[in-house]
Amino acid sequence: MPGVLIVRVESSLLYFNVSHVRDQVRRHLAAAGRQLRVVIWDLSTSPYVDIAGVRLLGETQRALTAQGVAMRIVEARAPVRDLIRKEVGMSVGEVSRRISIDDAIAAATMPPVDSQGKPPPSPGR
């Protein structure tokens, strides 16, 4: 899907592999170009994330936000979710085991709505 980058590391995010993961993610971000709107970081294959890994997530999220790109974390396990909430907060949206990649894509690509659930008026109306 254009404008969406899904990141999945096939291992835990720990102090000894954070530099490698950072380099790979930066390479993919650069390849995605200016059309990128949302990065979805799938943690389903990362059963353990230490403080260095969570700091990488926070650092990535801040860099993306500065570029106008959202980042969402999906399928994180309970201890990982707790650490993310403590260190990164809600800046990456709700962090839940139940939010799937499909859910995150749908939420990122939904048109905006007003407080009554209606789309805003089109310009020129």
N, C-alpha and C. Protein backbone atom coordinates (compact mmCIF):
# COMPACT_ATOMS: atom_id res chain seq x y z
N MET A 1 0.85 -1.17 0.00
CA MET A 1 0.00 0.00 0.00
C MET A 1 0.90 1.24 0.00
N PRO A 2 0.69 2.14 -0.91
CA PRO A 2 1.52 3.35 -0.96
C PRO A 2 1.38 4.18 0.31
N GLY A 3 2.50 4.69 0.76
CA GLY A 3 2.51 5.54 1.94
C GLY A 3 2.60 4.81 3.26
N VAL A 4 2.65 3.46 3.21
CA VAL A 4 2.71 2.66 4.43
C VAL A 4 3.96 1.80 4.39
N LEU A 5 4.72 1.82 5.48
CA LEU A 5 5.88 0.95 5.63
C LEU A 5 5.67 0.09 6.86
N ILE A 6 5.79 -1.22 6.69
CA ILE A 6 5.66 -2.14 7.81
C ILE A 6 7.04 -2.66 8.17
N VAL A 7 7.38 -2.52 9.44
CA VAL A 7 8.68 -2.96 9.95
C VAL A 7 8.44 -4.15 10.87
N ARG A 8 9.17 -5.23 10.61
CA ARG A 8 9.11 -6.39 11.50
C ARG A 8 10.53 -6.93 11.63
N VAL A 9 11.00 -7.00 12.85
CA VAL A 9 12.32 -7.53 13.13
C VAL A 9 12.13 -8.98 13.59
N GLU A 10 12.80 -9.89 12.97
CA GLU A 10 12.62 -11.31 13.28
C GLU A 10 13.47 -11.73 14.47
N SER A 11 13.49 -10.89 15.49
CA SER A 11 14.22 -11.20 16.72
C SER A 11 13.81 -10.20 17.78
N SER A 12 14.30 -10.39 18.98
CA SER A 12 14.09 -9.42 20.03
C SER A 12 14.87 -8.15 19.71
N LEU A 13 14.46 -7.04 20.30
CA LEU A 13 15.17 -5.77 20.16
C LEU A 13 15.97 -5.56 21.44
N LEU A 14 17.26 -5.84 21.35
CA LEU A 14 18.12 -5.79 22.52
C LEU A 14 19.34 -4.93 22.24
N TYR A 15 20.02 -4.54 23.28
CA TYR A 15 21.14 -3.60 23.18
C TYR A 15 22.18 -4.00 22.13
N PHE A 16 22.39 -5.29 21.93
CA PHE A 16 23.45 -5.70 21.01
C PHE A 16 23.03 -5.71 19.54
N ASN A 17 21.73 -5.58 19.23
CA ASN A 17 21.33 -5.54 17.83
C ASN A 17 20.64 -4.23 17.44
N VAL A 18 20.50 -3.30 18.38
CA VAL A 18 19.80 -2.05 18.11
C VAL A 18 20.46 -1.25 16.99
N SER A 19 21.77 -1.17 16.95
CA SER A 19 22.45 -0.39 15.90
C SER A 19 22.16 -0.97 14.52
N HIS A 20 22.20 -2.28 14.42
CA HIS A 20 21.91 -2.93 13.13
C HIS A 20 20.45 -2.68 12.72
N VAL A 21 19.53 -2.83 13.65
CA VAL A 21 18.12 -2.60 13.35
C VAL A 21 17.90 -1.15 12.94
N ARG A 22 18.50 -0.21 13.67
CA ARG A 22 18.39 1.22 13.33
C ARG A 22 18.86 1.47 11.90
N ASP A 23 20.00 0.93 11.54
CA ASP A 23 20.54 1.13 10.19
C ASP A 23 19.59 0.58 9.13
N GLN A 24 19.05 -0.61 9.38
CA GLN A 24 18.14 -1.22 8.40
C GLN A 24 16.84 -0.43 8.27
N VAL A 25 16.30 0.02 9.39
CA VAL A 25 15.06 0.80 9.35
C VAL A 25 15.30 2.12 8.62
N ARG A 26 16.41 2.77 8.89
CA ARG A 26 16.72 4.03 8.19
C ARG A 26 16.83 3.81 6.69
N ARG A 27 17.42 2.70 6.30
CA ARG A 27 17.54 2.39 4.87
C ARG A 27 16.16 2.23 4.24
N HIS A 28 15.25 1.54 4.93
CA HIS A 28 13.89 1.36 4.41
C HIS A 28 13.11 2.67 4.40
N LEU A 29 13.31 3.50 5.40
CA LEU A 29 12.65 4.80 5.44
C LEU A 29 13.10 5.67 4.27
N ALA A 30 14.38 5.67 4.02
CA ALA A 30 14.91 6.46 2.90
C ALA A 30 14.36 5.96 1.57
N ALA A 31 14.25 4.65 1.42
CA ALA A 31 13.73 4.06 0.18
C ALA A 31 12.24 4.38 0.00
N ALA A 32 11.52 4.55 1.10
CA ALA A 32 10.08 4.84 1.02
C ALA A 32 9.82 6.25 0.47
N GLY A 33 10.73 7.15 0.69
CA GLY A 33 10.62 8.49 0.13
C GLY A 33 9.58 9.37 0.81
N ARG A 34 9.24 10.44 0.12
CA ARG A 34 8.35 11.46 0.68
C ARG A 34 6.89 11.05 0.72
N GLN A 35 6.54 9.99 0.03
CA GLN A 35 5.14 9.55 0.03
C GLN A 35 4.74 8.85 1.33
N LEU A 36 5.69 8.55 2.17
CA LEU A 36 5.45 7.81 3.41
C LEU A 36 4.53 8.60 4.34
N ARG A 37 3.45 7.93 4.81
CA ARG A 37 2.50 8.56 5.73
C ARG A 37 2.48 7.89 7.09
N VAL A 38 2.72 6.58 7.12
CA VAL A 38 2.67 5.86 8.39
C VAL A 38 3.64 4.69 8.38
N VAL A 39 4.31 4.49 9.51
CA VAL A 39 5.17 3.33 9.72
C VAL A 39 4.49 2.47 10.77
N ILE A 40 4.30 1.22 10.44
CA ILE A 40 3.70 0.27 11.38
C ILE A 40 4.79 -0.69 11.81
N TRP A 41 5.10 -0.68 13.10
CA TRP A 41 6.17 -1.52 13.63
C TRP A 41 5.52 -2.73 14.29
N ASP A 42 5.65 -3.88 13.66
CA ASP A 42 5.05 -5.12 14.13
C ASP A 42 6.03 -5.81 15.09
N LEU A 43 5.63 -5.93 16.35
CA LEU A 43 6.48 -6.55 17.35
C LEU A 43 6.09 -8.00 17.65
N SER A 44 5.29 -8.60 16.79
CA SER A 44 4.84 -9.97 17.05
C SER A 44 5.98 -10.97 17.06
N THR A 45 7.06 -10.66 16.39
CA THR A 45 8.22 -11.57 16.35
C THR A 45 9.36 -11.08 17.24
N SER A 46 9.05 -10.15 18.11
CA SER A 46 10.05 -9.61 19.05
C SER A 46 9.56 -9.85 20.48
N PRO A 47 9.78 -11.05 21.00
CA PRO A 47 9.23 -11.36 22.32
C PRO A 47 9.86 -10.56 23.45
N TYR A 48 11.08 -10.11 23.27
CA TYR A 48 11.77 -9.33 24.31
C TYR A 48 12.29 -8.04 23.70
N VAL A 49 12.06 -6.95 24.42
CA VAL A 49 12.59 -5.64 24.03
C VAL A 49 13.14 -5.02 25.31
N ASP A 50 14.43 -4.69 25.29
CA ASP A 50 15.02 -4.06 26.47
C ASP A 50 14.95 -2.54 26.33
N ILE A 51 15.53 -1.83 27.28
CA ILE A 51 15.45 -0.37 27.29
C ILE A 51 16.08 0.23 26.03
N ALA A 52 17.15 -0.37 25.53
CA ALA A 52 17.78 0.13 24.30
C ALA A 52 16.82 -0.02 23.12
N GLY A 53 16.10 -1.13 23.08
CA GLY A 53 15.12 -1.34 22.01
C GLY A 53 13.97 -0.35 22.09
N VAL A 54 13.48 -0.10 23.28
CA VAL A 54 12.38 0.86 23.45
C VAL A 54 12.86 2.26 23.11
N ARG A 55 14.09 2.58 23.48
CA ARG A 55 14.61 3.91 23.11
C ARG A 55 14.74 4.04 21.60
N LEU A 56 15.07 2.97 20.91
CA LEU A 56 15.09 2.99 19.44
C LEU A 56 13.70 3.29 18.91
N LEU A 57 12.68 2.66 19.47
CA LEU A 57 11.31 2.93 19.04
C LEU A 57 10.95 4.39 19.26
N GLY A 58 11.29 4.94 20.43
CA GLY A 58 11.00 6.34 20.72
C GLY A 58 11.76 7.29 19.81
N GLU A 59 13.03 7.00 19.59
CA GLU A 59 13.85 7.82 18.70
C GLU A 59 13.28 7.82 17.27
N THR A 60 12.89 6.66 16.81
CA THR A 60 12.31 6.53 15.46
C THR A 60 11.00 7.30 15.38
N GLN A 61 10.17 7.16 16.41
CA GLN A 61 8.89 7.85 16.42
C GLN A 61 9.08 9.37 16.39
N ARG A 62 10.00 9.89 17.16
CA ARG A 62 10.24 11.34 17.17
C ARG A 62 10.75 11.83 15.82
N ALA A 63 11.65 11.08 15.21
CA ALA A 63 12.18 11.47 13.90
C ALA A 63 11.07 11.46 12.84
N LEU A 64 10.21 10.46 12.90
CA LEU A 64 9.11 10.38 11.94
C LEU A 64 8.12 11.51 12.15
N THR A 65 7.79 11.80 13.40
CA THR A 65 6.85 12.88 13.70
C THR A 65 7.38 14.21 13.14
N ALA A 66 8.67 14.44 13.26
CA ALA A 66 9.27 15.67 12.74
C ALA A 66 9.12 15.77 11.22
N GLN A 67 8.95 14.63 10.56
CA GLN A 67 8.75 14.59 9.11
C GLN A 67 7.28 14.50 8.72
N GLY A 68 6.40 14.54 9.72
CA GLY A 68 4.97 14.45 9.44
C GLY A 68 4.48 13.04 9.17
N VAL A 69 5.23 12.05 9.65
CA VAL A 69 4.88 10.64 9.45
C VAL A 69 4.48 10.05 10.79
N ALA A 70 3.37 9.32 10.82
CA ALA A 70 2.91 8.66 12.04
C ALA A 70 3.60 7.31 12.20
N MET A 71 3.73 6.86 13.43
CA MET A 71 4.24 5.52 13.70
C MET A 71 3.29 4.83 14.65
N ARG A 72 2.94 3.60 14.35
CA ARG A 72 2.08 2.79 15.20
C ARG A 72 2.79 1.48 15.52
N ILE A 73 2.60 1.01 16.72
CA ILE A 73 3.19 -0.26 17.16
C ILE A 73 2.06 -1.27 17.31
N VAL A 74 2.24 -2.44 16.72
CA VAL A 74 1.20 -3.47 16.79
C VAL A 74 1.76 -4.77 17.34
N GLU A 75 0.88 -5.54 17.94
CA GLU A 75 1.13 -6.90 18.41
C GLU A 75 2.32 -7.04 19.37
N ALA A 76 2.46 -6.07 20.25
CA ALA A 76 3.50 -6.15 21.28
C ALA A 76 3.02 -7.01 22.44
N ARG A 77 3.89 -7.78 23.02
CA ARG A 77 3.56 -8.61 24.18
C ARG A 77 3.50 -7.76 25.45
N ALA A 78 2.87 -8.30 26.48
CA ALA A 78 2.57 -7.53 27.70
C ALA A 78 3.78 -6.81 28.31
N PRO A 79 4.90 -7.49 28.59
CA PRO A 79 6.03 -6.76 29.20
C PRO A 79 6.59 -5.68 28.27
N VAL A 80 6.54 -5.94 26.97
CA VAL A 80 7.02 -4.96 25.99
C VAL A 80 6.08 -3.75 25.97
N ARG A 81 4.78 -4.01 25.98
CA ARG A 81 3.80 -2.91 26.00
C ARG A 81 4.01 -2.02 27.23
N ASP A 82 4.22 -2.65 28.37
CA ASP A 82 4.43 -1.88 29.61
C ASP A 82 5.65 -0.97 29.50
N LEU A 83 6.73 -1.49 28.98
CA LEU A 83 7.96 -0.70 28.83
C LEU A 83 7.77 0.42 27.81
N ILE A 84 7.08 0.13 26.71
CA ILE A 84 6.81 1.16 25.70
C ILE A 84 5.97 2.28 26.30
N ARG A 85 4.92 1.91 27.00
CA ARG A 85 4.05 2.93 27.63
C ARG A 85 4.84 3.81 28.60
N LYS A 86 5.75 3.19 29.34
CA LYS A 86 6.54 3.94 30.33
C LYS A 86 7.55 4.87 29.66
N GLU A 87 8.24 4.38 28.64
CA GLU A 87 9.34 5.14 28.03
C GLU A 87 8.90 6.02 26.85
N VAL A 88 7.93 5.58 26.07
CA VAL A 88 7.53 6.31 24.86
C VAL A 88 6.19 7.00 25.05
N GLY A 89 5.32 6.42 25.85
CA GLY A 89 4.01 7.00 26.08
C GLY A 89 3.05 6.74 24.93
N MET A 90 2.04 7.56 24.84
CA MET A 90 0.99 7.37 23.85
C MET A 90 1.30 8.03 22.51
N SER A 91 2.50 8.52 22.34
CA SER A 91 2.85 9.19 21.09
C SER A 91 2.82 8.25 19.90
N VAL A 92 2.84 6.94 20.15
CA VAL A 92 2.74 5.96 19.06
C VAL A 92 1.33 5.39 18.98
N GLY A 93 0.38 6.05 19.63
CA GLY A 93 -1.00 5.57 19.64
C GLY A 93 -1.18 4.49 20.68
N GLU A 94 -2.35 3.89 20.66
CA GLU A 94 -2.63 2.81 21.60
C GLU A 94 -1.70 1.63 21.30
N VAL A 95 -1.12 1.07 22.33
CA VAL A 95 -0.24 -0.09 22.19
C VAL A 95 -0.99 -1.28 22.78
N SER A 96 -1.40 -2.19 21.90
CA SER A 96 -2.23 -3.31 22.34
C SER A 96 -1.87 -4.56 21.56
N ARG A 97 -1.99 -5.68 22.19
CA ARG A 97 -1.77 -6.97 21.52
C ARG A 97 -2.85 -7.24 20.48
N ARG A 98 -4.01 -6.62 20.68
CA ARG A 98 -5.15 -6.88 19.81
C ARG A 98 -5.16 -6.06 18.53
N ILE A 99 -4.34 -5.03 18.44
CA ILE A 99 -4.32 -4.21 17.23
C ILE A 99 -3.42 -4.90 16.21
N SER A 100 -3.99 -5.22 15.06
CA SER A 100 -3.26 -5.92 14.01
C SER A 100 -2.70 -4.92 13.00
N ILE A 101 -1.90 -5.43 12.10
CA ILE A 101 -1.39 -4.59 11.01
C ILE A 101 -2.55 -4.05 10.20
N ASP A 102 -3.54 -4.89 9.89
CA ASP A 102 -4.71 -4.44 9.13
C ASP A 102 -5.44 -3.31 9.85
N ASP A 103 -5.61 -3.45 11.17
CA ASP A 103 -6.27 -2.40 11.95
C ASP A 103 -5.49 -1.09 11.86
N ALA A 104 -4.18 -1.16 11.98
CA ALA A 104 -3.35 0.05 11.94
C ALA A 104 -3.40 0.71 10.57
N ILE A 105 -3.39 -0.09 9.51
CA ILE A 105 -3.50 0.46 8.15
C ILE A 105 -4.86 1.12 7.97
N ALA A 106 -5.92 0.44 8.39
CA ALA A 106 -7.27 1.00 8.24
C ALA A 106 -7.39 2.33 8.99
N ALA A 107 -6.88 2.38 10.21
CA ALA A 107 -6.95 3.61 11.00
C ALA A 107 -6.14 4.73 10.36
N ALA A 108 -5.00 4.39 9.78
CA ALA A 108 -4.13 5.41 9.18
C ALA A 108 -4.67 5.94 7.87
N THR A 109 -5.50 5.17 7.20
CA THR A 109 -5.98 5.57 5.88
C THR A 109 -7.43 6.03 5.89
N MET A 110 -8.06 6.05 7.09
CA MET A 110 -9.44 6.53 7.19
C MET A 110 -9.48 8.04 7.02
N PRO A 111 -10.51 8.54 6.32
CA PRO A 111 -10.63 10.00 6.21
C PRO A 111 -10.98 10.59 7.57
N PRO A 112 -10.61 11.85 7.82
CA PRO A 112 -10.93 12.47 9.10
C PRO A 112 -12.45 12.66 9.24
N VAL A 113 -12.92 12.68 10.49
CA VAL A 113 -14.33 12.93 10.77
C VAL A 113 -14.44 13.97 11.87
N ASP A 114 -15.61 14.63 11.93
CA ASP A 114 -15.83 15.61 12.99
C ASP A 114 -16.36 14.91 14.24
N SER A 115 -16.74 15.69 15.24
CA SER A 115 -17.18 15.12 16.51
C SER A 115 -18.47 14.30 16.38
N GLN A 116 -19.21 14.47 15.29
CA GLN A 116 -20.43 13.72 15.07
C GLN A 116 -20.22 12.53 14.14
N GLY A 117 -18.97 12.27 13.79
CA GLY A 117 -18.66 11.14 12.92
C GLY A 117 -18.86 11.39 11.45
N LYS A 118 -19.02 12.67 11.07
CA LYS A 118 -19.23 13.02 9.66
C LYS A 118 -17.93 13.58 9.08
N PRO A 119 -17.70 13.30 7.79
CA PRO A 119 -16.49 13.88 7.18
C PRO A 119 -16.62 15.41 7.11
N PRO A 120 -15.49 16.10 7.20
CA PRO A 120 -15.54 17.55 7.11
C PRO A 120 -15.99 17.98 5.71
N PRO A 121 -16.59 19.17 5.60
CA PRO A 121 -17.04 19.62 4.27
C PRO A 121 -15.86 19.77 3.31
N SER A 122 -16.11 19.50 2.07
CA SER A 122 -15.08 19.67 1.04
C SER A 122 -14.81 21.13 0.83
N PRO A 123 -13.57 21.48 0.47
CA PRO A 123 -13.27 22.89 0.18
C PRO A 123 -14.14 23.36 -0.98
N GLY A 124 -14.65 24.58 -0.88
CA GLY A 124 -15.47 25.14 -1.94
C GLY A 124 -16.95 24.89 -1.74
N ARG A 125 -17.33 24.23 -0.66
CA ARG A 125 -18.77 23.99 -0.40
C ARG A 125 -19.30 25.01 0.55
